[in-house]
């Protein structure tokens, strides 16, 4: 595994392309957890996020961020800036270098 990681070639544009294929659905859990932090129960947050997620799942032209930004229910708990920050893919990748270094030298 160490040899594999050490010789791994990363293509950032492909990472971004693959993240975009989900049309934002990979962020649904983070949105839900942030809403729980705002005082909702897990069930309430799940129900609210699920509505927007199902819209995206059913329509290939939709994306989750846009649906959340249109949802009055979501905007009662999260403002536009919070939603934008959650959908910033650089947050997902911020520890990649550390993880690879740790894997190589372990």
PDB file of N, CA and C in Angstrom:
ATOM      1  N   UNK A   1       0.820  -1.179   0.000  1.00  0.00           N
ATOM      2  CA  UNK A   1       0.000   0.000   0.000  1.00  0.00           C
ATOM      3  C   UNK A   1       0.872   1.254   0.000  1.00  0.00           C
ATOM      4  N   UNK A   2       1.953   1.230   0.747  1.00  0.00           N
ATOM      5  CA  UNK A   2       2.841   2.391   0.799  1.00  0.00           C
ATOM      6  C   UNK A   2       3.386   2.706  -0.582  1.00  0.00           C
ATOM      7  N   UNK A   3       3.797   1.676  -1.312  1.00  0.00           N
ATOM      8  CA  UNK A   3       4.320   1.872  -2.665  1.00  0.00           C
ATOM      9  C   UNK A   3       3.242   2.466  -3.576  1.00  0.00           C
ATOM     10  N   UNK A   4       2.037   1.982  -3.436  1.00  0.00           N
ATOM     11  CA  UNK A   4       0.927   2.482  -4.243  1.00  0.00           C
ATOM     12  C   UNK A   4       0.700   3.977  -3.973  1.00  0.00           C
ATOM     13  N   UNK A   5       0.634   4.346  -2.710  1.00  0.00           N
ATOM     14  CA  UNK A   5       0.397   5.740  -2.342  1.00  0.00           C
ATOM     15  C   UNK A   5       1.564   6.623  -2.783  1.00  0.00           C
ATOM     16  N   UNK A   6       2.788   6.123  -2.588  1.00  0.00           N
ATOM     17  CA  UNK A   6       3.972   6.906  -2.931  1.00  0.00           C
ATOM     18  C   UNK A   6       4.013   7.218  -4.426  1.00  0.00           C
ATOM     19  N   UNK A   7       3.540   6.298  -5.259  1.00  0.00           N
ATOM     20  CA  UNK A   7       3.595   6.467  -6.708  1.00  0.00           C
ATOM     21  C   UNK A   7       2.270   6.924  -7.318  1.00  0.00           C
ATOM     22  N   UNK A   8       1.336   7.254  -6.468  1.00  0.00           N
ATOM     23  CA  UNK A   8       0.023   7.676  -6.934  1.00  0.00           C
ATOM     24  C   UNK A   8       0.110   9.024  -7.651  1.00  0.00           C
ATOM     25  N   UNK A   9      -0.528   9.101  -8.794  1.00  0.00           N
ATOM     26  CA  UNK A   9      -0.584  10.355  -9.550  1.00  0.00           C
ATOM     27  C   UNK A   9      -1.982  10.933  -9.362  1.00  0.00           C
ATOM     28  N   UNK A  10      -2.021  12.173  -8.940  1.00  0.00           N
ATOM     29  CA  UNK A  10      -3.292  12.853  -8.663  1.00  0.00           C
ATOM     30  C   UNK A  10      -3.588  13.837  -9.792  1.00  0.00           C
ATOM     31  N   UNK A  11      -4.802  13.808 -10.266  1.00  0.00           N
ATOM     32  CA  UNK A  11      -5.258  14.742 -11.290  1.00  0.00           C
ATOM     33  C   UNK A  11      -6.377  15.592 -10.685  1.00  0.00           C
ATOM     34  N   UNK A  12      -6.035  16.772 -10.173  1.00  0.00           N
ATOM     35  CA  UNK A  12      -7.045  17.611  -9.496  1.00  0.00           C
ATOM     36  C   UNK A  12      -8.278  17.894 -10.349  1.00  0.00           C
ATOM     37  N   UNK A  13      -8.094  18.072 -11.635  1.00  0.00           N
ATOM     38  CA  UNK A  13      -9.253  18.353 -12.489  1.00  0.00           C
ATOM     39  C   UNK A  13     -10.208  17.160 -12.527  1.00  0.00           C
ATOM     40  N   UNK A  14      -9.670  15.949 -12.444  1.00  0.00           N
ATOM     41  CA  UNK A  14     -10.533  14.762 -12.413  1.00  0.00           C
ATOM     42  C   UNK A  14     -11.235  14.625 -11.065  1.00  0.00           C
ATOM     43  N   UNK A  15     -10.554  15.009 -10.000  1.00  0.00           N
ATOM     44  CA  UNK A  15     -11.182  14.993  -8.680  1.00  0.00           C
ATOM     45  C   UNK A  15     -12.385  15.923  -8.701  1.00  0.00           C
ATOM     46  N   UNK A  16     -12.184  17.131  -9.199  1.00  0.00           N
ATOM     47  CA  UNK A  16     -13.275  18.107  -9.254  1.00  0.00           C
ATOM     48  C   UNK A  16     -14.403  17.611 -10.157  1.00  0.00           C
ATOM     49  N   UNK A  17     -14.058  17.018 -11.285  1.00  0.00           N
ATOM     50  CA  UNK A  17     -15.068  16.483 -12.205  1.00  0.00           C
ATOM     51  C   UNK A  17     -15.914  15.421 -11.507  1.00  0.00           C
ATOM     52  N   UNK A  18     -15.255  14.526 -10.785  1.00  0.00           N
ATOM     53  CA  UNK A  18     -15.978  13.462 -10.082  1.00  0.00           C
ATOM     54  C   UNK A  18     -16.845  14.014  -8.956  1.00  0.00           C
ATOM     55  N   UNK A  19     -16.351  15.016  -8.238  1.00  0.00           N
ATOM     56  CA  UNK A  19     -17.162  15.640  -7.201  1.00  0.00           C
ATOM     57  C   UNK A  19     -18.404  16.289  -7.811  1.00  0.00           C
ATOM     58  N   UNK A  20     -18.254  16.902  -8.970  1.00  0.00           N
ATOM     59  CA  UNK A  20     -19.373  17.575  -9.633  1.00  0.00           C
ATOM     60  C   UNK A  20     -20.423  16.603 -10.159  1.00  0.00           C
ATOM     61  N   UNK A  21     -20.028  15.368 -10.419  1.00  0.00           N
ATOM     62  CA  UNK A  21     -20.977  14.372 -10.914  1.00  0.00           C
ATOM     63  C   UNK A  21     -22.118  14.122  -9.930  1.00  0.00           C
ATOM     64  N   UNK A  22     -21.872  14.357  -8.655  1.00  0.00           N
ATOM     65  CA  UNK A  22     -22.906  14.124  -7.640  1.00  0.00           C
ATOM     66  C   UNK A  22     -23.906  15.273  -7.552  1.00  0.00           C
ATOM     67  N   UNK A  23     -23.632  16.366  -8.264  1.00  0.00           N
ATOM     68  CA  UNK A  23     -24.487  17.549  -8.253  1.00  0.00           C
ATOM     69  C   UNK A  23     -24.749  18.043  -6.831  1.00  0.00           C
ATOM     70  N   UNK A  24     -23.732  17.874  -5.992  1.00  0.00           N
ATOM     71  CA  UNK A  24     -23.800  18.404  -4.638  1.00  0.00           C
ATOM     72  C   UNK A  24     -24.357  17.464  -3.595  1.00  0.00           C
ATOM     73  N   UNK A  25     -24.836  16.306  -4.003  1.00  0.00           N
ATOM     74  CA  UNK A  25     -25.438  15.391  -3.043  1.00  0.00           C
ATOM     75  C   UNK A  25     -24.441  14.892  -1.990  1.00  0.00           C
ATOM     76  N   UNK A  26     -23.159  14.932  -2.299  1.00  0.00           N
ATOM     77  CA  UNK A  26     -22.157  14.505  -1.316  1.00  0.00           C
ATOM     78  C   UNK A  26     -22.106  15.436  -0.107  1.00  0.00           C
ATOM     79  N   UNK A  27     -22.689  16.603  -0.223  1.00  0.00           N
ATOM     80  CA  UNK A  27     -22.687  17.567   0.881  1.00  0.00           C
ATOM     81  C   UNK A  27     -23.941  17.474   1.749  1.00  0.00           C
ATOM     82  N   UNK A  28     -24.865  16.591   1.418  1.00  0.00           N
ATOM     83  CA  UNK A  28     -26.140  16.539   2.143  1.00  0.00           C
ATOM     84  C   UNK A  28     -25.946  16.232   3.622  1.00  0.00           C
ATOM     85  N   UNK A  29     -25.038  15.340   3.961  1.00  0.00           N
ATOM     86  CA  UNK A  29     -24.813  15.011   5.365  1.00  0.00           C
ATOM     87  C   UNK A  29     -24.256  16.223   6.125  1.00  0.00           C
ATOM     88  N   UNK A  30     -23.339  16.943   5.509  1.00  0.00           N
ATOM     89  CA  UNK A  30     -22.767  18.116   6.165  1.00  0.00           C
ATOM     90  C   UNK A  30     -23.838  19.172   6.403  1.00  0.00           C
ATOM     91  N   UNK A  31     -24.717  19.363   5.433  1.00  0.00           N
ATOM     92  CA  UNK A  31     -25.824  20.311   5.600  1.00  0.00           C
ATOM     93  C   UNK A  31     -26.707  19.862   6.763  1.00  0.00           C
ATOM     94  N   UNK A  32     -27.043  18.586   6.777  1.00  0.00           N
ATOM     95  CA  UNK A  32     -27.896  18.062   7.830  1.00  0.00           C
ATOM     96  C   UNK A  32     -27.253  18.260   9.212  1.00  0.00           C
ATOM     97  N   UNK A  33     -25.971  17.944   9.323  1.00  0.00           N
ATOM     98  CA  UNK A  33     -25.279  18.088  10.605  1.00  0.00           C
ATOM     99  C   UNK A  33     -25.212  19.549  11.047  1.00  0.00           C
ATOM    100  N   UNK A  34     -25.015  20.452  10.108  1.00  0.00           N
ATOM    101  CA  UNK A  34     -24.983  21.876  10.449  1.00  0.00           C
ATOM    102  C   UNK A  34     -26.349  22.326  10.961  1.00  0.00           C
ATOM    103  N   UNK A  35     -27.418  21.791  10.375  1.00  0.00           N
ATOM    104  CA  UNK A  35     -28.762  22.141  10.838  1.00  0.00           C
ATOM    105  C   UNK A  35     -29.017  21.579  12.236  1.00  0.00           C
ATOM    106  N   UNK A  36     -28.478  20.415  12.514  1.00  0.00           N
ATOM    107  CA  UNK A  36     -28.592  19.838  13.856  1.00  0.00           C
ATOM    108  C   UNK A  36     -27.857  20.732  14.854  1.00  0.00           C
ATOM    109  N   UNK A  37     -26.703  21.247  14.443  1.00  0.00           N
ATOM    110  CA  UNK A  37     -25.954  22.182  15.295  1.00  0.00           C
ATOM    111  C   UNK A  37     -26.777  23.433  15.616  1.00  0.00           C
ATOM    112  N   UNK A  38     -27.717  23.758  14.725  1.00  0.00           N
ATOM    113  CA  UNK A  38     -28.562  24.950  14.914  1.00  0.00           C
ATOM    114  C   UNK A  38     -29.788  24.654  15.785  1.00  0.00           C
ATOM    115  N   UNK A  39     -29.922  23.408  16.246  1.00  0.00           N
ATOM    116  CA  UNK A  39     -30.995  23.087  17.178  1.00  0.00           C
ATOM    117  C   UNK A  39     -32.061  22.135  16.670  1.00  0.00           C
ATOM    118  N   UNK A  40     -32.004  21.732  15.412  1.00  0.00           N
ATOM    119  CA  UNK A  40     -32.985  20.787  14.897  1.00  0.00           C
ATOM    120  C   UNK A  40     -32.654  19.381  15.385  1.00  0.00           C
ATOM    121  N   UNK A  41     -33.677  18.537  15.464  1.00  0.00           N
ATOM    122  CA  UNK A  41     -33.415  17.128  15.739  1.00  0.00           C
ATOM    123  C   UNK A  41     -32.868  16.504  14.456  1.00  0.00           C
ATOM    124  N   UNK A  42     -32.264  15.349  14.595  1.00  0.00           N
ATOM    125  CA  UNK A  42     -31.738  14.647  13.417  1.00  0.00           C
ATOM    126  C   UNK A  42     -32.872  14.367  12.427  1.00  0.00           C
ATOM    127  N   UNK A  43     -34.017  13.979  12.935  1.00  0.00           N
ATOM    128  CA  UNK A  43     -35.158  13.651  12.080  1.00  0.00           C
ATOM    129  C   UNK A  43     -35.659  14.881  11.327  1.00  0.00           C
ATOM    130  N   UNK A  44     -35.723  16.024  12.020  1.00  0.00           N
ATOM    131  CA  UNK A  44     -36.169  17.262  11.365  1.00  0.00           C
ATOM    132  C   UNK A  44     -35.199  17.681  10.269  1.00  0.00           C
ATOM    133  N   UNK A  45     -33.914  17.662  10.595  1.00  0.00           N
ATOM    134  CA  UNK A  45     -32.897  18.060   9.609  1.00  0.00           C
ATOM    135  C   UNK A  45     -32.909  17.109   8.419  1.00  0.00           C
ATOM    136  N   UNK A  46     -33.010  15.822   8.696  1.00  0.00           N
ATOM    137  CA  UNK A  46     -33.038  14.823   7.619  1.00  0.00           C
ATOM    138  C   UNK A  46     -34.222  15.070   6.690  1.00  0.00           C
ATOM    139  N   UNK A  47     -35.376  15.313   7.252  1.00  0.00           N
ATOM    140  CA  UNK A  47     -36.579  15.534   6.450  1.00  0.00           C
ATOM    141  C   UNK A  47     -36.425  16.748   5.540  1.00  0.00           C
ATOM    142  N   UNK A  48     -35.881  17.831   6.075  1.00  0.00           N
ATOM    143  CA  UNK A  48     -35.706  19.061   5.301  1.00  0.00           C
ATOM    144  C   UNK A  48     -34.696  18.859   4.173  1.00  0.00           C
ATOM    145  N   UNK A  49     -33.559  18.259   4.491  1.00  0.00           N
ATOM    146  CA  UNK A  49     -32.517  18.055   3.478  1.00  0.00           C
ATOM    147  C   UNK A  49     -32.957  17.020   2.454  1.00  0.00           C
ATOM    148  N   UNK A  50     -33.686  16.022   2.910  1.00  0.00           N
ATOM    149  CA  UNK A  50     -34.140  14.975   1.994  1.00  0.00           C
ATOM    150  C   UNK A  50     -35.034  15.536   0.889  1.00  0.00           C
ATOM    151  N   UNK A  51     -35.865  16.512   1.207  1.00  0.00           N
ATOM    152  CA  UNK A  51     -36.747  17.098   0.188  1.00  0.00           C
ATOM    153  C   UNK A  51     -35.934  17.667  -0.974  1.00  0.00           C
ATOM    154  N   UNK A  52     -34.932  18.447  -0.646  1.00  0.00           N
ATOM    155  CA  UNK A  52     -34.094  19.038  -1.698  1.00  0.00           C
ATOM    156  C   UNK A  52     -33.269  17.970  -2.400  1.00  0.00           C
ATOM    157  N   UNK A  53     -32.761  17.017  -1.647  1.00  0.00           N
ATOM    158  CA  UNK A  53     -31.945  15.950  -2.234  1.00  0.00           C
ATOM    159  C   UNK A  53     -32.745  15.111  -3.225  1.00  0.00           C
ATOM    160  N   UNK A  54     -33.982  14.835  -2.891  1.00  0.00           N
ATOM    161  CA  UNK A  54     -34.826  14.044  -3.794  1.00  0.00           C
ATOM    162  C   UNK A  54     -35.133  14.805  -5.084  1.00  0.00           C
ATOM    163  N   UNK A  55     -35.263  16.128  -4.988  1.00  0.00           N
ATOM    164  CA  UNK A  55     -35.450  16.944  -6.189  1.00  0.00           C
ATOM    165  C   UNK A  55     -34.237  16.796  -7.119  1.00  0.00           C
ATOM    166  N   UNK A  56     -33.059  16.839  -6.541  1.00  0.00           N
ATOM    167  CA  UNK A  56     -31.815  16.721  -7.316  1.00  0.00           C
ATOM    168  C   UNK A  56     -31.696  15.320  -7.896  1.00  0.00           C
ATOM    169  N   UNK A  57     -32.017  14.332  -7.107  1.00  0.00           N
ATOM    170  CA  UNK A  57     -31.924  12.937  -7.553  1.00  0.00           C
ATOM    171  C   UNK A  57     -32.848  12.682  -8.745  1.00  0.00           C
ATOM    172  N   UNK A  58     -34.019  13.310  -8.716  1.00  0.00           N
ATOM    173  CA  UNK A  58     -35.030  13.080  -9.752  1.00  0.00           C
ATOM    174  C   UNK A  58     -34.790  13.883 -11.027  1.00  0.00           C
ATOM    175  N   UNK A  59     -34.068  14.976 -10.934  1.00  0.00           N
ATOM    176  CA  UNK A  59     -33.889  15.870 -12.083  1.00  0.00           C
ATOM    177  C   UNK A  59     -32.401  16.142 -12.297  1.00  0.00           C
ATOM    178  N   UNK A  60     -31.851  15.600 -13.361  1.00  0.00           N
ATOM    179  CA  UNK A  60     -30.412  15.704 -13.642  1.00  0.00           C
ATOM    180  C   UNK A  60     -29.938  17.135 -13.908  1.00  0.00           C
ATOM    181  N   UNK A  61     -30.874  18.056 -14.102  1.00  0.00           N
ATOM    182  CA  UNK A  61     -30.502  19.450 -14.349  1.00  0.00           C
ATOM    183  C   UNK A  61     -30.405  20.272 -13.062  1.00  0.00           C
ATOM    184  N   UNK A  62     -30.731  19.660 -11.933  1.00  0.00           N
ATOM    185  CA  UNK A  62     -30.712  20.381 -10.664  1.00  0.00           C
ATOM    186  C   UNK A  62     -29.453  20.031  -9.874  1.00  0.00           C
ATOM    187  N   UNK A  63     -29.084  20.946  -8.972  1.00  0.00           N
ATOM    188  CA  UNK A  63     -27.988  20.650  -8.047  1.00  0.00           C
ATOM    189  C   UNK A  63     -28.431  21.039  -6.638  1.00  0.00           C
ATOM    190  N   UNK A  64     -27.821  20.383  -5.657  1.00  0.00           N
ATOM    191  CA  UNK A  64     -28.287  20.530  -4.284  1.00  0.00           C
ATOM    192  C   UNK A  64     -28.103  21.941  -3.747  1.00  0.00           C
ATOM    193  N   UNK A  65     -26.994  22.572  -4.041  1.00  0.00           N
ATOM    194  CA  UNK A  65     -26.776  23.919  -3.509  1.00  0.00           C
ATOM    195  C   UNK A  65     -27.882  24.865  -3.962  1.00  0.00           C
ATOM    196  N   UNK A  66     -28.219  24.840  -5.237  1.00  0.00           N
ATOM    197  CA  UNK A  66     -29.272  25.714  -5.763  1.00  0.00           C
ATOM    198  C   UNK A  66     -30.614  25.405  -5.108  1.00  0.00           C
ATOM    199  N   UNK A  67     -30.897  24.135  -4.922  1.00  0.00           N
ATOM    200  CA  UNK A  67     -32.171  23.755  -4.293  1.00  0.00           C
ATOM    201  C   UNK A  67     -32.227  24.223  -2.842  1.00  0.00           C
ATOM    202  N   UNK A  68     -31.113  24.078  -2.119  1.00  0.00           N
ATOM    203  CA  UNK A  68     -31.074  24.522  -0.727  1.00  0.00           C
ATOM    204  C   UNK A  68     -31.221  26.033  -0.622  1.00  0.00           C
ATOM    205  N   UNK A  69     -30.600  26.745  -1.549  1.00  0.00           N
ATOM    206  CA  UNK A  69     -30.678  28.211  -1.535  1.00  0.00           C
ATOM    207  C   UNK A  69     -32.081  28.718  -1.863  1.00  0.00           C
ATOM    208  N   UNK A  70     -32.910  27.862  -2.463  1.00  0.00           N
ATOM    209  CA  UNK A  70     -34.301  28.226  -2.765  1.00  0.00           C
ATOM    210  C   UNK A  70     -35.258  27.786  -1.663  1.00  0.00           C
ATOM    211  N   UNK A  71     -34.770  26.971  -0.743  1.00  0.00           N
ATOM    212  CA  UNK A  71     -35.635  26.392   0.278  1.00  0.00           C
ATOM    213  C   UNK A  71     -35.785  27.322   1.479  1.00  0.00           C
ATOM    214  N   UNK A  72     -36.993  27.800   1.683  1.00  0.00           N
ATOM    215  CA  UNK A  72     -37.270  28.641   2.837  1.00  0.00           C
ATOM    216  C   UNK A  72     -36.997  27.919   4.144  1.00  0.00           C
ATOM    217  N   UNK A  73     -37.285  26.613   4.173  1.00  0.00           N
ATOM    218  CA  UNK A  73     -37.031  25.824   5.382  1.00  0.00           C
ATOM    219  C   UNK A  73     -35.551  25.819   5.733  1.00  0.00           C
ATOM    220  N   UNK A  74     -34.712  25.604   4.745  1.00  0.00           N
ATOM    221  CA  UNK A  74     -33.268  25.557   4.972  1.00  0.00           C
ATOM    222  C   UNK A  74     -32.763  26.935   5.391  1.00  0.00           C
ATOM    223  N   UNK A  75     -33.236  27.960   4.705  1.00  0.00           N
ATOM    224  CA  UNK A  75     -32.753  29.319   4.967  1.00  0.00           C
ATOM    225  C   UNK A  75     -33.191  29.858   6.332  1.00  0.00           C
ATOM    226  N   UNK A  76     -34.124  29.179   6.999  1.00  0.00           N
ATOM    227  CA  UNK A  76     -34.472  29.547   8.372  1.00  0.00           C
ATOM    228  C   UNK A  76     -33.333  29.203   9.333  1.00  0.00           C
ATOM    229  N   UNK A  77     -32.503  28.236   8.938  1.00  0.00           N
ATOM    230  CA  UNK A  77     -31.456  27.748   9.836  1.00  0.00           C
ATOM    231  C   UNK A  77     -30.036  28.054   9.347  1.00  0.00           C
ATOM    232  N   UNK A  78     -29.863  28.122   8.049  1.00  0.00           N
ATOM    233  CA  UNK A  78     -28.547  28.385   7.463  1.00  0.00           C
ATOM    234  C   UNK A  78     -28.650  29.564   6.519  1.00  0.00           C
ATOM    235  N   UNK A  79     -27.689  30.482   6.599  1.00  0.00           N
ATOM    236  CA  UNK A  79     -27.712  31.592   5.648  1.00  0.00           C
ATOM    237  C   UNK A  79     -26.924  31.211   4.388  1.00  0.00           C
ATOM    238  N   UNK A  80     -27.022  32.057   3.384  1.00  0.00           N
ATOM    239  CA  UNK A  80     -26.391  31.781   2.090  1.00  0.00           C
ATOM    240  C   UNK A  80     -24.891  31.533   2.244  1.00  0.00           C
ATOM    241  N   UNK A  81     -24.223  32.336   3.060  1.00  0.00           N
ATOM    242  CA  UNK A  81     -22.777  32.194   3.245  1.00  0.00           C
ATOM    243  C   UNK A  81     -22.421  30.837   3.858  1.00  0.00           C
ATOM    244  N   UNK A  82     -23.197  30.371   4.821  1.00  0.00           N
ATOM    245  CA  UNK A  82     -22.945  29.064   5.427  1.00  0.00           C
ATOM    246  C   UNK A  82     -23.087  27.951   4.392  1.00  0.00           C
ATOM    247  N   UNK A  83     -24.107  28.053   3.570  1.00  0.00           N
ATOM    248  CA  UNK A  83     -24.326  27.040   2.527  1.00  0.00           C
ATOM    249  C   UNK A  83     -23.178  27.077   1.522  1.00  0.00           C
ATOM    250  N   UNK A  84     -22.804  28.262   1.085  1.00  0.00           N
ATOM    251  CA  UNK A  84     -21.682  28.400   0.142  1.00  0.00           C
ATOM    252  C   UNK A  84     -20.409  27.777   0.721  1.00  0.00           C
ATOM    253  N   UNK A  85     -20.128  28.015   2.002  1.00  0.00           N
ATOM    254  CA  UNK A  85     -18.929  27.465   2.635  1.00  0.00           C
ATOM    255  C   UNK A  85     -18.952  25.943   2.694  1.00  0.00           C
ATOM    256  N   UNK A  86     -20.115  25.376   2.945  1.00  0.00           N
ATOM    257  CA  UNK A  86     -20.227  23.918   2.986  1.00  0.00           C
ATOM    258  C   UNK A  86     -19.928  23.326   1.617  1.00  0.00           C
ATOM    259  N   UNK A  87     -20.361  24.005   0.562  1.00  0.00           N
ATOM    260  CA  UNK A  87     -20.170  23.488  -0.791  1.00  0.00           C
ATOM    261  C   UNK A  87     -18.806  23.842  -1.386  1.00  0.00           C
ATOM    262  N   UNK A  88     -17.917  24.361  -0.592  1.00  0.00           N
ATOM    263  CA  UNK A  88     -16.559  24.666  -1.040  1.00  0.00           C
ATOM    264  C   UNK A  88     -15.738  23.381  -0.977  1.00  0.00           C
ATOM    265  N   UNK A  89     -15.435  22.795  -2.121  1.00  0.00           N
ATOM    266  CA  UNK A  89     -14.748  21.496  -2.153  1.00  0.00           C
ATOM    267  C   UNK A  89     -13.345  21.541  -1.580  1.00  0.00           C
ATOM    268  N   UNK A  90     -12.749  22.708  -1.488  1.00  0.00           N
ATOM    269  CA  UNK A  90     -11.403  22.774  -0.927  1.00  0.00           C
ATOM    270  C   UNK A  90     -11.409  22.350   0.542  1.00  0.00           C
ATOM    271  N   UNK A  91     -12.534  22.511   1.233  1.00  0.00           N
ATOM    272  CA  UNK A  91     -12.646  22.051   2.620  1.00  0.00           C
ATOM    273  C   UNK A  91     -12.486  20.534   2.690  1.00  0.00           C
ATOM    274  N   UNK A  92     -13.042  19.829   1.708  1.00  0.00           N
ATOM    275  CA  UNK A  92     -12.934  18.371   1.679  1.00  0.00           C
ATOM    276  C   UNK A  92     -11.500  17.905   1.476  1.00  0.00           C
ATOM    277  N   UNK A  93     -10.751  18.709   0.775  1.00  0.00           N
ATOM    278  CA  UNK A  93      -9.413  18.298   0.364  1.00  0.00           C
ATOM    279  C   UNK A  93      -8.303  18.902   1.214  1.00  0.00           C
ATOM    280  N   UNK A  94      -8.645  19.687   2.227  1.00  0.00           N
ATOM    281  CA  UNK A  94      -7.629  20.438   2.949  1.00  0.00           C
ATOM    282  C   UNK A  94      -6.607  19.570   3.687  1.00  0.00           C
ATOM    283  N   UNK A  95      -6.936  18.335   4.035  1.00  0.00           N
ATOM    284  CA  UNK A  95      -6.002  17.470   4.759  1.00  0.00           C
ATOM    285  C   UNK A  95      -5.390  16.368   3.895  1.00  0.00           C
ATOM    286  N   UNK A  96      -5.593  16.446   2.595  1.00  0.00           N
ATOM    287  CA  UNK A  96      -5.104  15.399   1.698  1.00  0.00           C
ATOM    288  C   UNK A  96      -3.589  15.240   1.791  1.00  0.00           C
ATOM    289  N   UNK A  97      -2.844  16.318   1.763  1.00  0.00           N
ATOM    290  CA  UNK A  97      -1.383  16.223   1.831  1.00  0.00           C
ATOM    291  C   UNK A  97      -0.946  15.540   3.122  1.00  0.00           C
ATOM    292  N   UNK A  98      -1.554  15.915   4.229  1.00  0.00           N
ATOM    293  CA  UNK A  98      -1.219  15.307   5.516  1.00  0.00           C
ATOM    294  C   UNK A  98      -1.503  13.809   5.499  1.00  0.00           C
ATOM    295  N   UNK A  99      -2.657  13.420   4.961  1.00  0.00           N
ATOM    296  CA  UNK A  99      -3.030  12.007   4.919  1.00  0.00           C
ATOM    297  C   UNK A  99      -2.054  11.216   4.066  1.00  0.00           C
ATOM    298  N   UNK A 100      -1.687  11.750   2.890  1.00  0.00           N
ATOM    299  CA  UNK A 100      -0.738  11.040   2.045  1.00  0.00           C
ATOM    300  C   UNK A 100       0.635  10.938   2.689  1.00  0.00           C
ATOM    301  N   UNK A 101       1.091  12.004   3.310  1.00  0.00           N
ATOM    302  CA  UNK A 101       2.396  11.962   3.980  1.00  0.00           C
ATOM    303  C   UNK A 101       2.398  10.946   5.110  1.00  0.00           C
ATOM    304  N   UNK A 102       1.329  10.921   5.857  1.00  0.00           N
ATOM    305  CA  UNK A 102       1.206   9.976   6.956  1.00  0.00           C
ATOM    306  C   UNK A 102       1.209   8.539   6.426  1.00  0.00           C
ATOM    307  N   UNK A 103       0.535   8.322   5.307  1.00  0.00           N
ATOM    308  CA  UNK A 103       0.468   6.979   4.717  1.00  0.00           C
ATOM    309  C   UNK A 103       1.823   6.524   4.181  1.00  0.00           C
ATOM    310  N   UNK A 104       2.537   7.432   3.571  1.00  0.00           N
ATOM    311  CA  UNK A 104       3.826   7.097   2.968  1.00  0.00           C
ATOM    312  C   UNK A 104       4.868   6.762   4.028  1.00  0.00           C
ATOM    313  N   UNK A 105       4.858   7.483   5.116  1.00  0.00           N
ATOM    314  CA  UNK A 105       5.919   7.317   6.106  1.00  0.00           C
ATOM    315  C   UNK A 105       5.513   6.442   7.286  1.00  0.00           C
ATOM    316  N   UNK A 106       4.366   5.818   7.209  1.00  0.00           N
ATOM    317  CA  UNK A 106       3.918   4.938   8.311  1.00  0.00           C
ATOM    318  C   UNK A 106       4.540   3.572   8.196  1.00  0.00           C
TER     319      UNK A 106
END
